[in-house]
Amino acid sequence: MSQQPLQSFPVEWSDFIESLNAEFFSTKGYGVYAFLSFDHIKLLYDQLLRNPVPVKVFIKVFVRNFK
């Protein structure tokens, strides 16, 4: 019996932005666009699609390490 991955790909762009914005707002006090440009967010989304980690983990690690 094979195990299902924690998340199915592709991740919707709107769900990614919503989660990223919520994490930035809850940890930094401002939304994602106060810190990152659209181009940077797009590159981050592309990284996510190539990465096998769940979206929430990917975003939490990124925001925690963002300076």
PDB file of N, CA and C in Angstrom:
ATOM      1  N   MET A   1       0.841  -1.172   0.000  1.00  0.00           N
ATOM      2  CA  MET A   1       0.000   0.000   0.000  1.00  0.00           C
ATOM      3  C   MET A   1       0.892   1.243   0.000  1.00  0.00           C
ATOM      4  N   SER A   2       0.713   2.133  -0.960  1.00  0.00           N
ATOM      5  CA  SER A   2       1.531   3.346  -1.016  1.00  0.00           C
ATOM      6  C   SER A   2       0.852   4.472  -0.255  1.00  0.00           C
ATOM      7  N   GLN A   3       1.671   5.314   0.310  1.00  0.00           N
ATOM      8  CA  GLN A   3       1.138   6.448   1.055  1.00  0.00           C
ATOM      9  C   GLN A   3       0.933   7.620   0.114  1.00  0.00           C
ATOM     10  N   GLN A   4      -0.116   8.362   0.352  1.00  0.00           N
ATOM     11  CA  GLN A   4      -0.389   9.555  -0.423  1.00  0.00           C
ATOM     12  C   GLN A   4       0.475  10.693   0.094  1.00  0.00           C
ATOM     13  N   PRO A   5       0.959  11.574  -0.800  1.00  0.00           N
ATOM     14  CA  PRO A   5       1.719  12.723  -0.321  1.00  0.00           C
ATOM     15  C   PRO A   5       0.822  13.648   0.506  1.00  0.00           C
ATOM     16  N   LEU A   6       1.442  14.475   1.323  1.00  0.00           N
ATOM     17  CA  LEU A   6       0.681  15.385   2.178  1.00  0.00           C
ATOM     18  C   LEU A   6      -0.091  16.407   1.372  1.00  0.00           C
ATOM     19  N   GLN A   7       0.344  16.646   0.157  1.00  0.00           N
ATOM     20  CA  GLN A   7      -0.309  17.658  -0.653  1.00  0.00           C
ATOM     21  C   GLN A   7      -0.219  17.245  -2.110  1.00  0.00           C
ATOM     22  N   SER A   8      -1.228  17.577  -2.878  1.00  0.00           N
ATOM     23  CA  SER A   8      -1.167  17.283  -4.299  1.00  0.00           C
ATOM     24  C   SER A   8      -0.708  18.536  -5.043  1.00  0.00           C
ATOM     25  N   PHE A   9       0.031  18.335  -6.099  1.00  0.00           N
ATOM     26  CA  PHE A   9       0.514  19.445  -6.907  1.00  0.00           C
ATOM     27  C   PHE A   9      -0.307  19.522  -8.168  1.00  0.00           C
ATOM     28  N   PRO A  10      -0.420  20.602  -8.832  1.00  0.00           N
ATOM     29  CA  PRO A  10       0.199  21.861  -8.482  1.00  0.00           C
ATOM     30  C   PRO A  10      -0.593  22.625  -7.426  1.00  0.00           C
ATOM     31  N   VAL A  11       0.097  23.427  -6.692  1.00  0.00           N
ATOM     32  CA  VAL A  11      -0.510  24.307  -5.697  1.00  0.00           C
ATOM     33  C   VAL A  11      -1.075  25.503  -6.446  1.00  0.00           C
ATOM     34  N   GLU A  12      -2.279  25.862  -6.130  1.00  0.00           N
ATOM     35  CA  GLU A  12      -2.884  27.016  -6.793  1.00  0.00           C
ATOM     36  C   GLU A  12      -2.163  28.297  -6.377  1.00  0.00           C
ATOM     37  N   TRP A  13      -1.940  29.174  -7.345  1.00  0.00           N
ATOM     38  CA  TRP A  13      -1.276  30.451  -7.105  1.00  0.00           C
ATOM     39  C   TRP A  13      -2.005  31.245  -6.025  1.00  0.00           C
ATOM     40  N   SER A  14      -3.304  31.316  -6.110  1.00  0.00           N
ATOM     41  CA  SER A  14      -4.077  32.113  -5.138  1.00  0.00           C
ATOM     42  C   SER A  14      -3.958  31.548  -3.728  1.00  0.00           C
ATOM     43  N   ASP A  15      -3.931  30.234  -3.589  1.00  0.00           N
ATOM     44  CA  ASP A  15      -3.753  29.618  -2.269  1.00  0.00           C
ATOM     45  C   ASP A  15      -2.356  29.901  -1.724  1.00  0.00           C
ATOM     46  N   PHE A  16      -1.375  29.866  -2.600  1.00  0.00           N
ATOM     47  CA  PHE A  16      -0.002  30.160  -2.198  1.00  0.00           C
ATOM     48  C   PHE A  16       0.116  31.595  -1.692  1.00  0.00           C
ATOM     49  N   ILE A  17      -0.405  32.542  -2.449  1.00  0.00           N
ATOM     50  CA  ILE A  17      -0.342  33.957  -2.061  1.00  0.00           C
ATOM     51  C   ILE A  17      -1.072  34.180  -0.743  1.00  0.00           C
ATOM     52  N   GLU A  18      -2.241  33.591  -0.601  1.00  0.00           N
ATOM     53  CA  GLU A  18      -3.016  33.750   0.627  1.00  0.00           C
ATOM     54  C   GLU A  18      -2.247  33.214   1.836  1.00  0.00           C
ATOM     55  N   SER A  19      -1.660  32.049   1.706  1.00  0.00           N
ATOM     56  CA  SER A  19      -0.898  31.459   2.811  1.00  0.00           C
ATOM     57  C   SER A  19       0.363  32.254   3.110  1.00  0.00           C
ATOM     58  N   LEU A  20       1.062  32.665   2.076  1.00  0.00           N
ATOM     59  CA  LEU A  20       2.285  33.450   2.256  1.00  0.00           C
ATOM     60  C   LEU A  20       1.976  34.789   2.916  1.00  0.00           C
ATOM     61  N   ASN A  21       0.932  35.441   2.457  1.00  0.00           N
ATOM     62  CA  ASN A  21       0.534  36.726   3.032  1.00  0.00           C
ATOM     63  C   ASN A  21       0.135  36.574   4.503  1.00  0.00           C
ATOM     64  N   ALA A  22      -0.635  35.542   4.814  1.00  0.00           N
ATOM     65  CA  ALA A  22      -1.069  35.312   6.196  1.00  0.00           C
ATOM     66  C   ALA A  22       0.122  35.051   7.113  1.00  0.00           C
ATOM     67  N   GLU A  23       1.098  34.284   6.641  1.00  0.00           N
ATOM     68  CA  GLU A  23       2.280  33.985   7.455  1.00  0.00           C
ATOM     69  C   GLU A  23       3.116  35.239   7.684  1.00  0.00           C
ATOM     70  N   PHE A  24       3.309  36.039   6.642  1.00  0.00           N
ATOM     71  CA  PHE A  24       4.043  37.299   6.810  1.00  0.00           C
ATOM     72  C   PHE A  24       3.306  38.211   7.782  1.00  0.00           C
ATOM     73  N   PHE A  25       2.011  38.322   7.621  1.00  0.00           N
ATOM     74  CA  PHE A  25       1.235  39.217   8.478  1.00  0.00           C
ATOM     75  C   PHE A  25       1.293  38.775   9.937  1.00  0.00           C
ATOM     76  N   SER A  26       1.180  37.480  10.185  1.00  0.00           N
ATOM     77  CA  SER A  26       1.165  36.998  11.570  1.00  0.00           C
ATOM     78  C   SER A  26       2.541  37.062  12.233  1.00  0.00           C
ATOM     79  N   THR A  27       3.602  36.950  11.459  1.00  0.00           N
ATOM     80  CA  THR A  27       4.938  36.958  12.070  1.00  0.00           C
ATOM     81  C   THR A  27       5.647  38.307  11.976  1.00  0.00           C
ATOM     82  N   LYS A  28       5.375  39.061  10.918  1.00  0.00           N
ATOM     83  CA  LYS A  28       6.089  40.325  10.707  1.00  0.00           C
ATOM     84  C   LYS A  28       5.213  41.557  10.921  1.00  0.00           C
ATOM     85  N   GLY A  29       3.894  41.370  10.924  1.00  0.00           N
ATOM     86  CA  GLY A  29       2.993  42.500  11.134  1.00  0.00           C
ATOM     87  C   GLY A  29       2.547  43.208   9.865  1.00  0.00           C
ATOM     88  N   TYR A  30       3.092  42.797   8.722  1.00  0.00           N
ATOM     89  CA  TYR A  30       2.721  43.372   7.434  1.00  0.00           C
ATOM     90  C   TYR A  30       2.573  42.241   6.429  1.00  0.00           C
ATOM     91  N   GLY A  31       1.823  42.493   5.369  1.00  0.00           N
ATOM     92  CA  GLY A  31       1.625  41.495   4.334  1.00  0.00           C
ATOM     93  C   GLY A  31       2.868  41.281   3.492  1.00  0.00           C
ATOM     94  N   VAL A  32       2.826  40.271   2.661  1.00  0.00           N
ATOM     95  CA  VAL A  32       3.973  39.851   1.869  1.00  0.00           C
ATOM     96  C   VAL A  32       4.481  40.952   0.938  1.00  0.00           C
ATOM     97  N   TYR A  33       3.595  41.781   0.375  1.00  0.00           N
ATOM     98  CA  TYR A  33       4.026  42.786  -0.593  1.00  0.00           C
ATOM     99  C   TYR A  33       4.777  43.942   0.063  1.00  0.00           C
ATOM    100  N   ALA A  34       4.777  44.024   1.382  1.00  0.00           N
ATOM    101  CA  ALA A  34       5.611  45.010   2.077  1.00  0.00           C
ATOM    102  C   ALA A  34       7.072  44.572   2.076  1.00  0.00           C
ATOM    103  N   PHE A  35       7.324  43.293   1.815  1.00  0.00           N
ATOM    104  CA  PHE A  35       8.668  42.748   1.890  1.00  0.00           C
ATOM    105  C   PHE A  35       9.208  42.238   0.555  1.00  0.00           C
ATOM    106  N   LEU A  36       8.334  41.704  -0.290  1.00  0.00           N
ATOM    107  CA  LEU A  36       8.778  41.056  -1.524  1.00  0.00           C
ATOM    108  C   LEU A  36       8.090  41.640  -2.746  1.00  0.00           C
ATOM    109  N   SER A  37       8.823  41.667  -3.856  1.00  0.00           N
ATOM    110  CA  SER A  37       8.232  42.097  -5.124  1.00  0.00           C
ATOM    111  C   SER A  37       7.468  40.928  -5.749  1.00  0.00           C
ATOM    112  N   PHE A  38       6.657  41.241  -6.719  1.00  0.00           N
ATOM    113  CA  PHE A  38       5.912  40.203  -7.434  1.00  0.00           C
ATOM    114  C   PHE A  38       6.869  39.183  -8.051  1.00  0.00           C
ATOM    115  N   ASP A  39       7.960  39.677  -8.641  1.00  0.00           N
ATOM    116  CA  ASP A  39       8.924  38.775  -9.276  1.00  0.00           C
ATOM    117  C   ASP A  39       9.551  37.817  -8.272  1.00  0.00           C
ATOM    118  N   HIS A  40       9.866  38.315  -7.089  1.00  0.00           N
ATOM    119  CA  HIS A  40      10.437  37.457  -6.047  1.00  0.00           C
ATOM    120  C   HIS A  40       9.420  36.396  -5.602  1.00  0.00           C
ATOM    121  N   ILE A  41       8.169  36.799  -5.476  1.00  0.00           N
ATOM    122  CA  ILE A  41       7.117  35.860  -5.075  1.00  0.00           C
ATOM    123  C   ILE A  41       6.930  34.788  -6.142  1.00  0.00           C
ATOM    124  N   LYS A  42       7.001  35.169  -7.398  1.00  0.00           N
ATOM    125  CA  LYS A  42       6.878  34.203  -8.498  1.00  0.00           C
ATOM    126  C   LYS A  42       8.026  33.195  -8.468  1.00  0.00           C
ATOM    127  N   LEU A  43       9.240  33.657  -8.210  1.00  0.00           N
ATOM    128  CA  LEU A  43      10.383  32.750  -8.094  1.00  0.00           C
ATOM    129  C   LEU A  43      10.208  31.801  -6.912  1.00  0.00           C
ATOM    130  N   LEU A  44       9.691  32.321  -5.824  1.00  0.00           N
ATOM    131  CA  LEU A  44       9.431  31.495  -4.644  1.00  0.00           C
ATOM    132  C   LEU A  44       8.381  30.426  -4.952  1.00  0.00           C
ATOM    133  N   TYR A  45       7.346  30.802  -5.679  1.00  0.00           N
ATOM    134  CA  TYR A  45       6.298  29.860  -6.086  1.00  0.00           C
ATOM    135  C   TYR A  45       6.879  28.753  -6.972  1.00  0.00           C
ATOM    136  N   ASP A  46       7.753  29.144  -7.891  1.00  0.00           N
ATOM    137  CA  ASP A  46       8.405  28.154  -8.757  1.00  0.00           C
ATOM    138  C   ASP A  46       9.258  27.187  -7.943  1.00  0.00           C
ATOM    139  N   GLN A  47       9.939  27.710  -6.917  1.00  0.00           N
ATOM    140  CA  GLN A  47      10.719  26.840  -6.022  1.00  0.00           C
ATOM    141  C   GLN A  47       9.805  25.856  -5.303  1.00  0.00           C
ATOM    142  N   LEU A  48       8.677  26.344  -4.844  1.00  0.00           N
ATOM    143  CA  LEU A  48       7.713  25.489  -4.153  1.00  0.00           C
ATOM    144  C   LEU A  48       7.256  24.339  -5.039  1.00  0.00           C
ATOM    145  N   LEU A  49       6.983  24.625  -6.284  1.00  0.00           N
ATOM    146  CA  LEU A  49       6.497  23.586  -7.200  1.00  0.00           C
ATOM    147  C   LEU A  49       7.540  22.505  -7.459  1.00  0.00           C
ATOM    148  N   ARG A  50       8.810  22.846  -7.294  1.00  0.00           N
ATOM    149  CA  ARG A  50       9.882  21.859  -7.483  1.00  0.00           C
ATOM    150  C   ARG A  50      10.268  21.178  -6.180  1.00  0.00           C
ATOM    151  N   ASN A  51       9.657  21.577  -5.079  1.00  0.00           N
ATOM    152  CA  ASN A  51      10.040  21.097  -3.762  1.00  0.00           C
ATOM    153  C   ASN A  51       8.976  20.156  -3.211  1.00  0.00           C
ATOM    154  N   PRO A  52       9.355  19.015  -2.663  1.00  0.00           N
ATOM    155  CA  PRO A  52       8.371  18.038  -2.187  1.00  0.00           C
ATOM    156  C   PRO A  52       7.759  18.334  -0.810  1.00  0.00           C
ATOM    157  N   VAL A  53       8.159  19.426  -0.151  1.00  0.00           N
ATOM    158  CA  VAL A  53       7.606  19.723   1.178  1.00  0.00           C
ATOM    159  C   VAL A  53       6.207  20.315   1.083  1.00  0.00           C
ATOM    160  N   PRO A  54       5.388  20.118   2.104  1.00  0.00           N
ATOM    161  CA  PRO A  54       4.054  20.725   2.119  1.00  0.00           C
ATOM    162  C   PRO A  54       4.139  22.252   2.090  1.00  0.00           C
ATOM    163  N   VAL A  55       3.138  22.878   1.515  1.00  0.00           N
ATOM    164  CA  VAL A  55       3.102  24.333   1.353  1.00  0.00           C
ATOM    165  C   VAL A  55       3.308  25.050   2.684  1.00  0.00           C
ATOM    166  N   LYS A  56       2.572  24.649   3.707  1.00  0.00           N
ATOM    167  CA  LYS A  56       2.662  25.346   5.001  1.00  0.00           C
ATOM    168  C   LYS A  56       4.068  25.284   5.573  1.00  0.00           C
ATOM    169  N   VAL A  57       4.715  24.151   5.453  1.00  0.00           N
ATOM    170  CA  VAL A  57       6.083  24.009   5.955  1.00  0.00           C
ATOM    171  C   VAL A  57       7.031  24.890   5.144  1.00  0.00           C
ATOM    172  N   PHE A  58       6.910  24.848   3.829  1.00  0.00           N
ATOM    173  CA  PHE A  58       7.752  25.653   2.937  1.00  0.00           C
ATOM    174  C   PHE A  58       7.634  27.131   3.287  1.00  0.00           C
ATOM    175  N   ILE A  59       6.415  27.602   3.446  1.00  0.00           N
ATOM    176  CA  ILE A  59       6.179  29.013   3.744  1.00  0.00           C
ATOM    177  C   ILE A  59       6.690  29.379   5.132  1.00  0.00           C
ATOM    178  N   LYS A  60       6.403  28.563   6.137  1.00  0.00           N
ATOM    179  CA  LYS A  60       6.872  28.853   7.500  1.00  0.00           C
ATOM    180  C   LYS A  60       8.391  28.956   7.556  1.00  0.00           C
ATOM    181  N   VAL A  61       9.077  28.026   6.916  1.00  0.00           N
ATOM    182  CA  VAL A  61      10.542  28.048   6.915  1.00  0.00           C
ATOM    183  C   VAL A  61      11.048  29.295   6.200  1.00  0.00           C
ATOM    184  N   PHE A  62      10.456  29.625   5.057  1.00  0.00           N
ATOM    185  CA  PHE A  62      10.893  30.809   4.317  1.00  0.00           C
ATOM    186  C   PHE A  62      10.706  32.073   5.141  1.00  0.00           C
ATOM    187  N   VAL A  63       9.533  32.267   5.697  1.00  0.00           N
ATOM    188  CA  VAL A  63       9.242  33.497   6.452  1.00  0.00           C
ATOM    189  C   VAL A  63      10.100  33.556   7.716  1.00  0.00           C
ATOM    190  N   ARG A  64      10.269  32.445   8.394  1.00  0.00           N
ATOM    191  CA  ARG A  64      11.093  32.426   9.603  1.00  0.00           C
ATOM    192  C   ARG A  64      12.529  32.846   9.286  1.00  0.00           C
ATOM    193  N   ASN A  65      13.048  32.414   8.152  1.00  0.00           N
ATOM    194  CA  ASN A  65      14.440  32.726   7.771  1.00  0.00           C
ATOM    195  C   ASN A  65      14.577  34.036   7.018  1.00  0.00           C
ATOM    196  N   PHE A  66      13.480  34.687   6.684  1.00  0.00           N
ATOM    197  CA  PHE A  66      13.526  35.946   5.920  1.00  0.00           C
ATOM    198  C   PHE A  66      13.990  37.080   6.820  1.00  0.00           C
ATOM    199  N   LYS A  67      14.964  37.837   6.337  1.00  0.00           N
ATOM    200  CA  LYS A  67      15.446  38.985   7.115  1.00  0.00           C
ATOM    201  C   LYS A  67      15.440  40.221   6.279  1.00  0.00           C
TER     202      LYS A  67
END
